[in-house]
Amino acid sequence: MALFVIVHGGWSGGWYFQPAARLMRAAGHKVYTPTLTGIGERVHLAHPDVDLDLHIQDVVNVLEFEDLHEIVLVGYSYGGMVVTGVADRVPQRISQLIYLDAFVPKDGQSTADLDRERQGGIEVSLPIIDGWRVPHQPPQPRKTDHPLKTFTQAIHLTNPAQTLQLPRTYVRFAQTSPPITPHIAERARTAGWRYRELDVGHLAPETHPQEVADLLMELA
């Protein structure tokens, strides 16, 4: 049985993966679904200086304080930015990386950079409240505002050679419309990563938890 740490995407929280996590735990796996600072049930901790580095540290702390090893580290959507940084900091704790319809940054890239790349160099305009809070569009229950700096701060990798040795899988959610990460998925496939497609939309952890759980358990 495998040990999973699943990092959610923007505007949500660990709650987003609970339906899939329950199915995986029922099958005997151990699953952690931490919530990043300033969103989800930790929205009360939001402030203008919450950035990507802090979200990476959130997850590193879970691994270190829970003393977790041989982890299948999963990043969904924006969570791909976070798990990339976590793998750079503590590769010795991770057995493999799985990206679910997720952003995969190169050193020096931000989420905003990857969005701009997807749009052919056109700047993606986000609604911003008070200069730092990005509301979910359209509004949805339990979807909280997201701290802007987490999207604009570039990742800085200090241990890329060791991190690149970790086995990696990219899973594209084929029915995502419009596609969020087609250029990233293609780059991963071209680079020789293990590659899968799931015939679901981007909201699959919420709408198709059984399919997501089954695929994660298969990949582990």
N, C-alpha and C. Protein backbone atom coordinates (compact mmCIF):
# COMPACT_ATOMS: atom_id res chain seq x y z
N MET A 1 0.83 -1.20 0.00
CA MET A 1 0.00 0.00 0.00
C MET A 1 0.87 1.25 0.00
N ALA A 2 0.36 2.30 -0.61
CA ALA A 2 1.17 3.51 -0.82
C ALA A 2 0.79 4.61 0.16
N LEU A 3 1.71 5.56 0.30
CA LEU A 3 1.51 6.76 1.10
C LEU A 3 1.42 7.95 0.14
N PHE A 4 0.27 8.60 0.12
CA PHE A 4 0.03 9.73 -0.77
C PHE A 4 -0.02 11.03 0.00
N VAL A 5 0.58 12.08 -0.56
CA VAL A 5 0.34 13.45 -0.12
C VAL A 5 -0.17 14.19 -1.35
N ILE A 6 -1.39 14.68 -1.28
CA ILE A 6 -2.04 15.31 -2.42
C ILE A 6 -2.20 16.79 -2.15
N VAL A 7 -1.68 17.61 -3.07
CA VAL A 7 -1.75 19.07 -2.93
C VAL A 7 -2.80 19.62 -3.89
N HIS A 8 -3.79 20.28 -3.32
CA HIS A 8 -4.93 20.80 -4.07
C HIS A 8 -4.53 21.97 -4.96
N GLY A 9 -5.47 22.46 -5.74
CA GLY A 9 -5.23 23.60 -6.61
C GLY A 9 -5.64 24.91 -5.99
N GLY A 10 -5.76 25.93 -6.81
CA GLY A 10 -6.10 27.26 -6.33
C GLY A 10 -7.53 27.36 -5.82
N TRP A 11 -7.74 28.28 -4.89
CA TRP A 11 -9.06 28.66 -4.39
C TRP A 11 -9.76 27.59 -3.54
N SER A 12 -9.15 26.44 -3.35
CA SER A 12 -9.89 25.38 -2.66
C SER A 12 -9.22 25.03 -1.33
N GLY A 13 -8.86 23.79 -1.13
CA GLY A 13 -8.27 23.33 0.12
C GLY A 13 -8.20 21.82 0.11
N GLY A 14 -7.72 21.25 1.20
CA GLY A 14 -7.64 19.80 1.29
C GLY A 14 -8.99 19.12 1.13
N TRP A 15 -10.06 19.85 1.48
CA TRP A 15 -11.40 19.30 1.35
C TRP A 15 -11.71 18.83 -0.08
N TYR A 16 -11.07 19.47 -1.06
CA TYR A 16 -11.39 19.19 -2.46
C TYR A 16 -11.09 17.75 -2.84
N PHE A 17 -10.10 17.15 -2.16
CA PHE A 17 -9.71 15.78 -2.49
C PHE A 17 -10.25 14.76 -1.49
N GLN A 18 -11.09 15.17 -0.56
CA GLN A 18 -11.58 14.22 0.43
C GLN A 18 -12.40 13.08 -0.17
N PRO A 19 -13.28 13.32 -1.16
CA PRO A 19 -14.01 12.18 -1.74
C PRO A 19 -13.07 11.12 -2.33
N ALA A 20 -12.05 11.55 -3.08
CA ALA A 20 -11.09 10.58 -3.63
C ALA A 20 -10.26 9.96 -2.52
N ALA A 21 -9.86 10.77 -1.53
CA ALA A 21 -9.03 10.26 -0.44
C ALA A 21 -9.76 9.18 0.36
N ARG A 22 -11.05 9.37 0.60
CA ARG A 22 -11.81 8.35 1.34
C ARG A 22 -11.80 7.02 0.60
N LEU A 23 -11.95 7.07 -0.71
CA LEU A 23 -11.92 5.83 -1.50
C LEU A 23 -10.55 5.17 -1.43
N MET A 24 -9.51 5.97 -1.47
CA MET A 24 -8.15 5.43 -1.43
C MET A 24 -7.83 4.85 -0.05
N ARG A 25 -8.30 5.52 1.01
CA ARG A 25 -8.08 4.99 2.35
C ARG A 25 -8.85 3.69 2.56
N ALA A 26 -10.04 3.60 2.00
CA ALA A 26 -10.83 2.38 2.12
C ALA A 26 -10.13 1.20 1.46
N ALA A 27 -9.29 1.51 0.46
CA ALA A 27 -8.52 0.46 -0.22
C ALA A 27 -7.21 0.15 0.49
N GLY A 28 -6.95 0.84 1.61
CA GLY A 28 -5.78 0.52 2.41
C GLY A 28 -4.62 1.49 2.30
N HIS A 29 -4.75 2.53 1.49
CA HIS A 29 -3.68 3.50 1.34
C HIS A 29 -3.75 4.57 2.42
N LYS A 30 -2.62 5.20 2.69
CA LYS A 30 -2.57 6.32 3.62
C LYS A 30 -2.51 7.59 2.80
N VAL A 31 -3.40 8.55 3.11
CA VAL A 31 -3.53 9.74 2.27
C VAL A 31 -3.58 11.00 3.14
N TYR A 32 -2.70 11.94 2.84
CA TYR A 32 -2.72 13.26 3.45
C TYR A 32 -3.17 14.27 2.40
N THR A 33 -4.03 15.20 2.82
CA THR A 33 -4.50 16.26 1.91
C THR A 33 -4.35 17.61 2.62
N PRO A 34 -3.13 18.12 2.77
CA PRO A 34 -2.95 19.38 3.50
C PRO A 34 -3.58 20.55 2.77
N THR A 35 -3.96 21.56 3.54
CA THR A 35 -4.49 22.80 2.98
C THR A 35 -3.42 23.89 3.06
N LEU A 36 -3.25 24.63 1.99
CA LEU A 36 -2.24 25.67 1.90
C LEU A 36 -2.69 26.94 2.62
N THR A 37 -1.74 27.69 3.12
CA THR A 37 -2.03 28.90 3.90
C THR A 37 -2.85 29.91 3.11
N GLY A 38 -3.90 30.42 3.75
CA GLY A 38 -4.67 31.53 3.19
C GLY A 38 -5.85 31.14 2.34
N ILE A 39 -6.10 29.82 2.16
CA ILE A 39 -7.26 29.37 1.40
C ILE A 39 -7.92 28.22 2.14
N GLY A 40 -9.11 27.81 1.66
CA GLY A 40 -9.82 26.75 2.35
C GLY A 40 -10.08 27.11 3.80
N GLU A 41 -9.97 26.12 4.69
CA GLU A 41 -10.22 26.37 6.10
C GLU A 41 -9.12 27.20 6.76
N ARG A 42 -8.06 27.50 6.00
CA ARG A 42 -6.98 28.36 6.51
C ARG A 42 -7.06 29.76 5.89
N VAL A 43 -8.25 30.13 5.41
CA VAL A 43 -8.44 31.44 4.78
C VAL A 43 -8.23 32.57 5.77
N HIS A 44 -8.45 32.29 7.06
CA HIS A 44 -8.25 33.34 8.07
C HIS A 44 -6.79 33.73 8.22
N LEU A 45 -5.88 32.96 7.63
CA LEU A 45 -4.45 33.27 7.68
C LEU A 45 -3.97 34.02 6.45
N ALA A 46 -4.90 34.38 5.58
CA ALA A 46 -4.52 35.06 4.33
C ALA A 46 -4.02 36.47 4.62
N HIS A 47 -2.99 36.87 3.89
CA HIS A 47 -2.48 38.23 3.94
C HIS A 47 -1.72 38.50 2.65
N PRO A 48 -1.39 39.76 2.35
CA PRO A 48 -0.79 40.07 1.04
C PRO A 48 0.53 39.40 0.76
N ASP A 49 1.26 38.95 1.79
CA ASP A 49 2.58 38.37 1.56
C ASP A 49 2.59 36.85 1.48
N VAL A 50 1.42 36.22 1.47
CA VAL A 50 1.37 34.77 1.23
C VAL A 50 1.83 34.53 -0.21
N ASP A 51 2.88 33.73 -0.37
CA ASP A 51 3.45 33.52 -1.70
C ASP A 51 3.72 32.04 -1.95
N LEU A 52 4.30 31.74 -3.09
CA LEU A 52 4.58 30.36 -3.47
C LEU A 52 5.53 29.70 -2.49
N ASP A 53 6.55 30.43 -2.05
CA ASP A 53 7.50 29.86 -1.09
C ASP A 53 6.80 29.39 0.18
N LEU A 54 5.84 30.17 0.66
CA LEU A 54 5.11 29.79 1.86
C LEU A 54 4.30 28.53 1.62
N HIS A 55 3.66 28.42 0.47
CA HIS A 55 2.89 27.21 0.17
C HIS A 55 3.79 25.98 0.06
N ILE A 56 4.96 26.16 -0.51
CA ILE A 56 5.92 25.05 -0.55
C ILE A 56 6.30 24.64 0.86
N GLN A 57 6.56 25.63 1.71
CA GLN A 57 6.94 25.34 3.10
C GLN A 57 5.81 24.65 3.85
N ASP A 58 4.56 25.02 3.56
CA ASP A 58 3.41 24.34 4.18
C ASP A 58 3.54 22.83 4.02
N VAL A 59 3.82 22.39 2.80
CA VAL A 59 3.83 20.96 2.51
C VAL A 59 5.12 20.32 3.04
N VAL A 60 6.25 21.00 2.89
CA VAL A 60 7.50 20.49 3.46
C VAL A 60 7.32 20.24 4.96
N ASN A 61 6.65 21.14 5.65
CA ASN A 61 6.45 20.97 7.09
C ASN A 61 5.61 19.75 7.40
N VAL A 62 4.59 19.49 6.59
CA VAL A 62 3.79 18.28 6.80
C VAL A 62 4.68 17.04 6.68
N LEU A 63 5.50 16.99 5.65
CA LEU A 63 6.35 15.82 5.46
C LEU A 63 7.34 15.64 6.61
N GLU A 64 7.89 16.76 7.08
CA GLU A 64 8.92 16.68 8.12
C GLU A 64 8.32 16.41 9.50
N PHE A 65 7.24 17.11 9.86
CA PHE A 65 6.68 16.93 11.19
C PHE A 65 5.91 15.63 11.33
N GLU A 66 5.34 15.13 10.23
CA GLU A 66 4.71 13.81 10.25
C GLU A 66 5.72 12.70 9.99
N ASP A 67 6.95 13.08 9.69
CA ASP A 67 8.05 12.15 9.42
C ASP A 67 7.67 11.15 8.31
N LEU A 68 7.28 11.71 7.18
CA LEU A 68 6.82 10.89 6.06
C LEU A 68 7.95 10.63 5.08
N HIS A 69 8.02 9.39 4.61
CA HIS A 69 9.04 8.98 3.64
C HIS A 69 8.39 8.10 2.57
N GLU A 70 9.07 7.93 1.45
CA GLU A 70 8.56 7.11 0.34
C GLU A 70 7.17 7.57 -0.09
N ILE A 71 7.06 8.88 -0.29
CA ILE A 71 5.78 9.51 -0.56
C ILE A 71 5.49 9.54 -2.06
N VAL A 72 4.26 9.23 -2.42
CA VAL A 72 3.75 9.55 -3.75
C VAL A 72 3.18 10.96 -3.64
N LEU A 73 3.90 11.93 -4.18
CA LEU A 73 3.52 13.34 -4.04
C LEU A 73 2.73 13.77 -5.28
N VAL A 74 1.50 14.21 -5.04
CA VAL A 74 0.57 14.52 -6.13
C VAL A 74 0.24 16.01 -6.10
N GLY A 75 0.34 16.66 -7.26
CA GLY A 75 -0.04 18.06 -7.38
C GLY A 75 -1.12 18.22 -8.43
N TYR A 76 -2.18 18.93 -8.07
CA TYR A 76 -3.30 19.16 -8.98
C TYR A 76 -3.36 20.63 -9.33
N SER A 77 -3.42 20.94 -10.63
CA SER A 77 -3.58 22.31 -11.12
C SER A 77 -2.47 23.20 -10.54
N TYR A 78 -2.81 24.28 -9.83
CA TYR A 78 -1.77 25.13 -9.19
C TYR A 78 -0.87 24.31 -8.26
N GLY A 79 -1.39 23.24 -7.68
CA GLY A 79 -0.60 22.40 -6.79
C GLY A 79 0.64 21.83 -7.44
N GLY A 80 0.68 21.79 -8.78
CA GLY A 80 1.89 21.35 -9.47
C GLY A 80 3.06 22.27 -9.21
N MET A 81 2.78 23.56 -9.07
CA MET A 81 3.84 24.51 -8.72
C MET A 81 4.42 24.15 -7.36
N VAL A 82 3.53 23.86 -6.43
CA VAL A 82 3.94 23.59 -5.04
C VAL A 82 4.74 22.30 -4.95
N VAL A 83 4.26 21.21 -5.56
CA VAL A 83 4.97 19.94 -5.42
C VAL A 83 6.32 19.98 -6.11
N THR A 84 6.45 20.80 -7.16
CA THR A 84 7.76 20.95 -7.79
C THR A 84 8.75 21.54 -6.80
N GLY A 85 8.33 22.55 -6.07
CA GLY A 85 9.20 23.14 -5.05
C GLY A 85 9.48 22.21 -3.89
N VAL A 86 8.48 21.45 -3.49
CA VAL A 86 8.67 20.48 -2.39
C VAL A 86 9.69 19.43 -2.80
N ALA A 87 9.56 18.92 -4.01
CA ALA A 87 10.50 17.90 -4.49
C ALA A 87 11.92 18.44 -4.56
N ASP A 88 12.06 19.72 -4.87
CA ASP A 88 13.37 20.34 -4.91
C ASP A 88 13.99 20.42 -3.52
N ARG A 89 13.17 20.65 -2.52
CA ARG A 89 13.68 20.84 -1.15
C ARG A 89 13.93 19.53 -0.42
N VAL A 90 13.05 18.55 -0.60
CA VAL A 90 13.19 17.30 0.16
C VAL A 90 13.02 16.08 -0.75
N PRO A 91 13.83 15.95 -1.80
CA PRO A 91 13.66 14.83 -2.73
C PRO A 91 13.84 13.47 -2.05
N GLN A 92 14.60 13.43 -0.97
CA GLN A 92 14.88 12.17 -0.29
C GLN A 92 13.63 11.57 0.36
N ARG A 93 12.58 12.35 0.53
CA ARG A 93 11.36 11.84 1.15
C ARG A 93 10.34 11.34 0.12
N ILE A 94 10.63 11.51 -1.16
CA ILE A 94 9.63 11.30 -2.21
C ILE A 94 10.01 10.12 -3.09
N SER A 95 9.03 9.26 -3.36
CA SER A 95 9.29 8.12 -4.24
C SER A 95 8.92 8.43 -5.68
N GLN A 96 7.90 9.25 -5.88
CA GLN A 96 7.51 9.66 -7.23
C GLN A 96 6.62 10.89 -7.18
N LEU A 97 6.55 11.57 -8.32
CA LEU A 97 5.70 12.75 -8.48
C LEU A 97 4.60 12.46 -9.50
N ILE A 98 3.38 12.88 -9.17
CA ILE A 98 2.27 12.76 -10.12
C ILE A 98 1.63 14.14 -10.26
N TYR A 99 1.51 14.61 -11.50
CA TYR A 99 0.90 15.90 -11.79
C TYR A 99 -0.47 15.64 -12.42
N LEU A 100 -1.53 16.13 -11.77
CA LEU A 100 -2.89 15.97 -12.29
C LEU A 100 -3.34 17.26 -12.96
N ASP A 101 -3.36 17.28 -14.29
CA ASP A 101 -3.79 18.46 -15.05
C ASP A 101 -3.16 19.71 -14.43
N ALA A 102 -1.87 19.63 -14.20
CA ALA A 102 -1.19 20.59 -13.32
C ALA A 102 -0.14 21.41 -14.05
N PHE A 103 0.20 22.54 -13.44
CA PHE A 103 1.32 23.35 -13.88
C PHE A 103 2.63 22.69 -13.47
N VAL A 104 3.59 22.69 -14.38
CA VAL A 104 4.93 22.16 -14.11
C VAL A 104 5.93 23.25 -14.49
N PRO A 105 6.44 23.99 -13.53
CA PRO A 105 7.32 25.11 -13.87
C PRO A 105 8.75 24.67 -14.11
N LYS A 106 9.42 25.42 -14.97
CA LYS A 106 10.87 25.36 -15.05
C LYS A 106 11.42 26.35 -14.03
N ASP A 107 12.70 26.23 -13.72
CA ASP A 107 13.32 27.18 -12.80
C ASP A 107 13.10 28.61 -13.30
N GLY A 108 12.63 29.48 -12.40
CA GLY A 108 12.42 30.87 -12.76
C GLY A 108 11.04 31.19 -13.32
N GLN A 109 10.14 30.19 -13.40
CA GLN A 109 8.80 30.43 -13.93
C GLN A 109 7.77 30.53 -12.81
N SER A 110 6.75 31.32 -13.06
CA SER A 110 5.61 31.44 -12.15
C SER A 110 4.37 30.85 -12.82
N THR A 111 3.31 30.74 -12.05
CA THR A 111 2.03 30.33 -12.65
C THR A 111 1.61 31.32 -13.73
N ALA A 112 1.79 32.61 -13.45
CA ALA A 112 1.45 33.62 -14.45
C ALA A 112 2.25 33.45 -15.74
N ASP A 113 3.52 33.07 -15.61
CA ASP A 113 4.35 32.83 -16.79
C ASP A 113 3.79 31.68 -17.62
N LEU A 114 3.39 30.61 -16.94
CA LEU A 114 2.87 29.44 -17.66
C LEU A 114 1.53 29.75 -18.31
N ASP A 115 0.72 30.56 -17.64
CA ASP A 115 -0.54 30.99 -18.26
C ASP A 115 -0.27 31.83 -19.51
N ARG A 116 0.71 32.72 -19.40
CA ARG A 116 1.06 33.59 -20.54
C ARG A 116 1.60 32.74 -21.69
N GLU A 117 2.38 31.73 -21.37
CA GLU A 117 2.93 30.82 -22.38
C GLU A 117 1.80 30.10 -23.10
N ARG A 118 0.81 29.66 -22.33
CA ARG A 118 -0.34 28.95 -22.92
C ARG A 118 -1.12 29.87 -23.86
N GLN A 119 -1.16 31.15 -23.55
CA GLN A 119 -1.91 32.11 -24.35
C GLN A 119 -1.08 32.72 -25.48
N GLY A 120 0.07 32.13 -25.75
CA GLY A 120 0.91 32.63 -26.83
C GLY A 120 1.54 33.96 -26.55
N GLY A 121 1.84 34.21 -25.27
CA GLY A 121 2.50 35.45 -24.89
C GLY A 121 1.57 36.55 -24.45
N ILE A 122 0.27 36.30 -24.50
CA ILE A 122 -0.71 37.32 -24.09
C ILE A 122 -0.90 37.25 -22.58
N GLU A 123 -0.86 38.41 -21.94
CA GLU A 123 -1.03 38.48 -20.49
C GLU A 123 -2.44 38.05 -20.11
N VAL A 124 -2.54 37.17 -19.10
CA VAL A 124 -3.83 36.73 -18.60
C VAL A 124 -4.29 37.71 -17.53
N SER A 125 -5.47 38.27 -17.72
CA SER A 125 -6.00 39.26 -16.78
C SER A 125 -6.81 38.57 -15.70
N LEU A 126 -6.47 38.85 -14.43
CA LEU A 126 -7.19 38.29 -13.30
C LEU A 126 -7.90 39.41 -12.54
N PRO A 127 -9.12 39.14 -12.06
CA PRO A 127 -9.75 40.12 -11.17
C PRO A 127 -9.01 40.14 -9.84
N ILE A 128 -8.77 41.29 -9.29
CA ILE A 128 -8.01 41.40 -8.05
C ILE A 128 -8.74 42.34 -7.09
N ILE A 129 -8.88 41.90 -5.85
CA ILE A 129 -9.52 42.69 -4.80
C ILE A 129 -8.46 43.17 -3.82
N ASP A 130 -8.51 44.45 -3.47
CA ASP A 130 -7.59 45.04 -2.49
C ASP A 130 -6.12 44.90 -2.89
N GLY A 131 -5.88 44.68 -4.18
CA GLY A 131 -4.51 44.60 -4.65
C GLY A 131 -3.82 43.27 -4.46
N TRP A 132 -4.50 42.28 -3.81
CA TRP A 132 -3.79 41.01 -3.55
C TRP A 132 -4.69 39.77 -3.48
N ARG A 133 -6.00 39.94 -3.47
CA ARG A 133 -6.88 38.77 -3.38
C ARG A 133 -7.51 38.50 -4.75
N VAL A 134 -7.37 37.25 -5.22
CA VAL A 134 -7.93 36.86 -6.51
C VAL A 134 -9.17 36.01 -6.26
N PRO A 135 -10.37 36.53 -6.55
CA PRO A 135 -11.58 35.76 -6.31
C PRO A 135 -11.76 34.67 -7.36
N HIS A 136 -12.43 33.60 -6.96
CA HIS A 136 -12.74 32.54 -7.91
C HIS A 136 -13.84 33.02 -8.85
N GLN A 137 -13.67 32.70 -10.14
CA GLN A 137 -14.66 33.06 -11.15
C GLN A 137 -15.16 31.81 -11.86
N PRO A 138 -16.48 31.54 -11.81
CA PRO A 138 -17.51 32.26 -11.06
C PRO A 138 -17.46 31.89 -9.58
N PRO A 139 -18.10 32.67 -8.70
CA PRO A 139 -18.11 32.31 -7.28
C PRO A 139 -18.73 30.94 -7.06
N GLN A 140 -18.15 30.17 -6.15
CA GLN A 140 -18.66 28.84 -5.82
C GLN A 140 -18.55 28.63 -4.33
N PRO A 141 -19.45 27.82 -3.76
CA PRO A 141 -19.37 27.53 -2.34
C PRO A 141 -18.01 26.91 -1.97
N ARG A 142 -17.45 27.37 -0.88
CA ARG A 142 -16.17 26.89 -0.32
C ARG A 142 -14.95 27.30 -1.14
N LYS A 143 -15.14 27.97 -2.27
CA LYS A 143 -13.99 28.48 -3.03
C LYS A 143 -13.65 29.87 -2.49
N THR A 144 -12.47 30.00 -1.90
CA THR A 144 -12.07 31.24 -1.26
C THR A 144 -11.17 32.07 -2.18
N ASP A 145 -11.04 33.35 -1.87
CA ASP A 145 -10.08 34.18 -2.60
C ASP A 145 -8.68 33.59 -2.45
N HIS A 146 -7.86 33.79 -3.47
CA HIS A 146 -6.52 33.20 -3.50
C HIS A 146 -5.47 34.32 -3.48
N PRO A 147 -4.43 34.20 -2.64
CA PRO A 147 -3.40 35.26 -2.58
C PRO A 147 -2.64 35.40 -3.90
N LEU A 148 -2.58 36.62 -4.40
CA LEU A 148 -2.02 36.89 -5.72
C LEU A 148 -0.55 36.48 -5.84
N LYS A 149 0.25 36.72 -4.80
CA LYS A 149 1.70 36.46 -4.91
C LYS A 149 2.01 34.99 -5.19
N THR A 150 1.12 34.09 -4.83
CA THR A 150 1.38 32.68 -5.12
C THR A 150 1.37 32.41 -6.61
N PHE A 151 0.65 33.25 -7.36
CA PHE A 151 0.60 33.11 -8.82
C PHE A 151 1.73 33.87 -9.52
N THR A 152 2.21 34.92 -8.92
CA THR A 152 3.19 35.77 -9.60
C THR A 152 4.63 35.51 -9.19
N GLN A 153 4.85 34.87 -8.04
CA GLN A 153 6.22 34.57 -7.63
C GLN A 153 6.79 33.42 -8.45
N ALA A 154 7.98 33.62 -8.97
CA ALA A 154 8.66 32.57 -9.73
C ALA A 154 9.27 31.54 -8.79
N ILE A 155 9.30 30.30 -9.23
CA ILE A 155 9.93 29.25 -8.44
C ILE A 155 11.44 29.29 -8.65
N HIS A 156 12.18 29.01 -7.61
CA HIS A 156 13.63 28.97 -7.70
C HIS A 156 14.10 27.61 -7.20
N LEU A 157 14.61 26.80 -8.11
CA LEU A 157 15.02 25.44 -7.80
C LEU A 157 16.50 25.42 -7.47
N THR A 158 16.85 24.80 -6.37
CA THR A 158 18.25 24.74 -5.92
C THR A 158 18.86 23.36 -6.08
N ASN A 159 18.00 22.36 -6.35
CA ASN A 159 18.48 20.98 -6.40
C ASN A 159 17.91 20.25 -7.61
N PRO A 160 17.92 20.88 -8.80
CA PRO A 160 17.21 20.30 -9.95
C PRO A 160 17.75 18.96 -10.40
N ALA A 161 19.05 18.74 -10.29
CA ALA A 161 19.62 17.47 -10.78
C ALA A 161 19.05 16.29 -10.00
N GLN A 162 18.98 16.40 -8.67
CA GLN A 162 18.46 15.30 -7.88
C GLN A 162 16.95 15.17 -8.05
N THR A 163 16.28 16.31 -8.16
CA THR A 163 14.83 16.27 -8.33
C THR A 163 14.44 15.59 -9.63
N LEU A 164 15.19 15.84 -10.69
CA LEU A 164 14.87 15.26 -11.99
C LEU A 164 15.02 13.75 -12.02
N GLN A 165 15.70 13.19 -11.04
CA GLN A 165 15.85 11.74 -10.98
C GLN A 165 14.59 11.04 -10.46
N LEU A 166 13.66 11.80 -9.88
CA LEU A 166 12.44 11.21 -9.36
C LEU A 166 11.52 10.78 -10.50
N PRO A 167 10.92 9.60 -10.40
CA PRO A 167 9.94 9.19 -11.41
C PRO A 167 8.78 10.17 -11.46
N ARG A 168 8.33 10.50 -12.67
CA ARG A 168 7.28 11.50 -12.84
C ARG A 168 6.21 10.99 -13.79
N THR A 169 4.98 11.34 -13.44
CA THR A 169 3.83 11.03 -14.30
C THR A 169 3.02 12.29 -14.52
N TYR A 170 2.62 12.51 -15.77
CA TYR A 170 1.70 13.60 -16.05
C TYR A 170 0.36 13.01 -16.47
N VAL A 171 -0.71 13.48 -15.82
CA VAL A 171 -2.07 13.05 -16.16
C VAL A 171 -2.83 14.25 -16.70
N ARG A 172 -3.22 14.17 -17.95
CA ARG A 172 -4.03 15.25 -18.54
C ARG A 172 -5.50 14.87 -18.46
N PHE A 173 -6.32 15.79 -17.96
CA PHE A 173 -7.76 15.60 -17.96
C PHE A 173 -8.28 16.05 -19.32
N ALA A 174 -8.60 15.09 -20.15
CA ALA A 174 -8.78 15.35 -21.58
C ALA A 174 -9.99 16.21 -21.91
N GLN A 175 -10.99 16.26 -21.02
CA GLN A 175 -12.20 17.03 -21.31
C GLN A 175 -12.16 18.44 -20.72
N THR A 176 -11.02 18.86 -20.20
CA THR A 176 -10.90 20.22 -19.68
C THR A 176 -11.10 21.20 -20.83
N SER A 177 -12.05 22.12 -20.66
CA SER A 177 -12.39 23.06 -21.74
C SER A 177 -12.65 24.45 -21.15
N PRO A 178 -11.85 25.44 -21.61
CA PRO A 178 -10.72 25.29 -22.54
C PRO A 178 -9.55 24.61 -21.84
N PRO A 179 -8.68 23.94 -22.59
CA PRO A 179 -7.54 23.25 -21.97
C PRO A 179 -6.69 24.22 -21.16
N ILE A 180 -6.26 23.78 -19.99
CA ILE A 180 -5.44 24.63 -19.12
C ILE A 180 -3.96 24.39 -19.34
N THR A 181 -3.60 23.13 -19.54
CA THR A 181 -2.17 22.79 -19.58
C THR A 181 -1.75 21.95 -20.78
N PRO A 182 -2.30 22.16 -21.99
CA PRO A 182 -1.92 21.28 -23.09
C PRO A 182 -0.44 21.37 -23.44
N HIS A 183 0.15 22.56 -23.35
CA HIS A 183 1.57 22.73 -23.67
C HIS A 183 2.44 22.03 -22.64
N ILE A 184 2.00 22.03 -21.38
CA ILE A 184 2.77 21.37 -20.33
C ILE A 184 2.65 19.85 -20.48
N ALA A 185 1.46 19.37 -20.77
CA ALA A 185 1.27 17.94 -20.98
C ALA A 185 2.13 17.44 -22.13
N GLU A 186 2.16 18.18 -23.22
CA GLU A 186 2.95 17.77 -24.38
C GLU A 186 4.44 17.80 -24.05
N ARG A 187 4.86 18.79 -23.32
CA ARG A 187 6.27 18.88 -22.93
C ARG A 187 6.67 17.68 -22.06
N ALA A 188 5.79 17.30 -21.14
CA ALA A 188 6.07 16.15 -20.28
C ALA A 188 6.15 14.87 -21.10
N ARG A 189 5.22 14.70 -22.04
CA ARG A 189 5.21 13.49 -22.86
C ARG A 189 6.47 13.43 -23.74
N THR A 190 6.84 14.56 -24.32
CA THR A 190 8.04 14.62 -25.16
C THR A 190 9.31 14.32 -24.37
N ALA A 191 9.30 14.71 -23.09
CA ALA A 191 10.47 14.49 -22.24
C ALA A 191 10.57 13.05 -21.74
N GLY A 192 9.58 12.21 -22.09
CA GLY A 192 9.65 10.81 -21.71
C GLY A 192 9.02 10.47 -20.38
N TRP A 193 8.24 11.38 -19.82
CA TRP A 193 7.53 11.06 -18.58
C TRP A 193 6.50 9.96 -18.85
N ARG A 194 6.15 9.22 -17.80
CA ARG A 194 4.96 8.38 -17.89
C ARG A 194 3.77 9.31 -18.09
N TYR A 195 2.90 8.96 -19.02
CA TYR A 195 1.83 9.87 -19.42
C TYR A 195 0.50 9.13 -19.47
N ARG A 196 -0.52 9.77 -18.94
CA ARG A 196 -1.87 9.23 -18.98
C ARG A 196 -2.86 10.33 -19.33
N GLU A 197 -3.98 9.94 -19.90
CA GLU A 197 -5.10 10.86 -20.07
C GLU A 197 -6.32 10.23 -19.43
N LEU A 198 -7.10 11.08 -18.76
CA LEU A 198 -8.35 10.65 -18.14
C LEU A 198 -9.47 11.43 -18.82
N ASP A 199 -10.53 10.73 -19.22
CA ASP A 199 -11.59 11.36 -20.01
C ASP A 199 -12.57 12.09 -19.09
N VAL A 200 -12.03 13.12 -18.43
CA VAL A 200 -12.81 13.92 -17.48
C VAL A 200 -12.42 15.38 -17.67
N GLY A 201 -13.16 16.28 -17.03
CA GLY A 201 -12.82 17.70 -17.06
C GLY A 201 -11.92 18.08 -15.91
N HIS A 202 -11.56 19.36 -15.87
CA HIS A 202 -10.58 19.82 -14.88
C HIS A 202 -11.09 19.67 -13.45
N LEU A 203 -12.39 19.65 -13.24
CA LEU A 203 -12.95 19.55 -11.89
C LEU A 203 -13.11 18.10 -11.44
N ALA A 204 -12.41 17.19 -12.07
CA ALA A 204 -12.59 15.75 -11.81
C ALA A 204 -12.46 15.33 -10.35
N PRO A 205 -11.53 15.91 -9.54
CA PRO A 205 -11.49 15.49 -8.14
C PRO A 205 -12.82 15.68 -7.42
N GLU A 206 -13.61 16.64 -7.90
CA GLU A 206 -14.93 16.90 -7.31
C GLU A 206 -16.02 16.12 -8.02
N THR A 207 -15.96 16.04 -9.34
CA THR A 207 -17.05 15.44 -10.12
C THR A 207 -16.86 13.94 -10.39
N HIS A 208 -15.61 13.48 -10.43
CA HIS A 208 -15.31 12.08 -10.72
C HIS A 208 -14.26 11.53 -9.75
N PRO A 209 -14.55 11.56 -8.45
CA PRO A 209 -13.54 11.13 -7.48
C PRO A 209 -13.14 9.66 -7.62
N GLN A 210 -14.07 8.81 -8.04
CA GLN A 210 -13.72 7.39 -8.19
C GLN A 210 -12.68 7.21 -9.29
N GLU A 211 -12.87 7.88 -10.41
CA GLU A 211 -11.91 7.75 -11.51
C GLU A 211 -10.53 8.29 -11.12
N VAL A 212 -10.53 9.41 -10.40
CA VAL A 212 -9.26 9.98 -9.95
C VAL A 212 -8.57 9.05 -8.95
N ALA A 213 -9.33 8.54 -7.99
CA ALA A 213 -8.78 7.63 -6.99
C ALA A 213 -8.23 6.37 -7.65
N ASP A 214 -8.99 5.80 -8.56
CA ASP A 214 -8.55 4.57 -9.23
C ASP A 214 -7.25 4.79 -9.99
N LEU A 215 -7.15 5.91 -10.69
CA LEU A 215 -5.94 6.17 -11.46
C LEU A 215 -4.74 6.38 -10.54
N LEU A 216 -4.90 7.14 -9.47
CA LEU A 216 -3.79 7.34 -8.54
C LEU A 216 -3.31 6.03 -7.94
N MET A 217 -4.26 5.17 -7.56
CA MET A 217 -3.87 3.89 -6.98
C MET A 217 -3.17 3.02 -8.02
N GLU A 218 -3.62 3.09 -9.25
CA GLU A 218 -2.96 2.34 -10.32
C GLU A 218 -1.54 2.84 -10.54
N LEU A 219 -1.35 4.15 -10.55
CA LEU A 219 -0.03 4.73 -10.83
C LEU A 219 0.96 4.47 -9.70
N ALA A 220 0.44 4.33 -8.48
CA ALA A 220 1.34 4.10 -7.34
C ALA A 220 1.96 2.72 -7.38
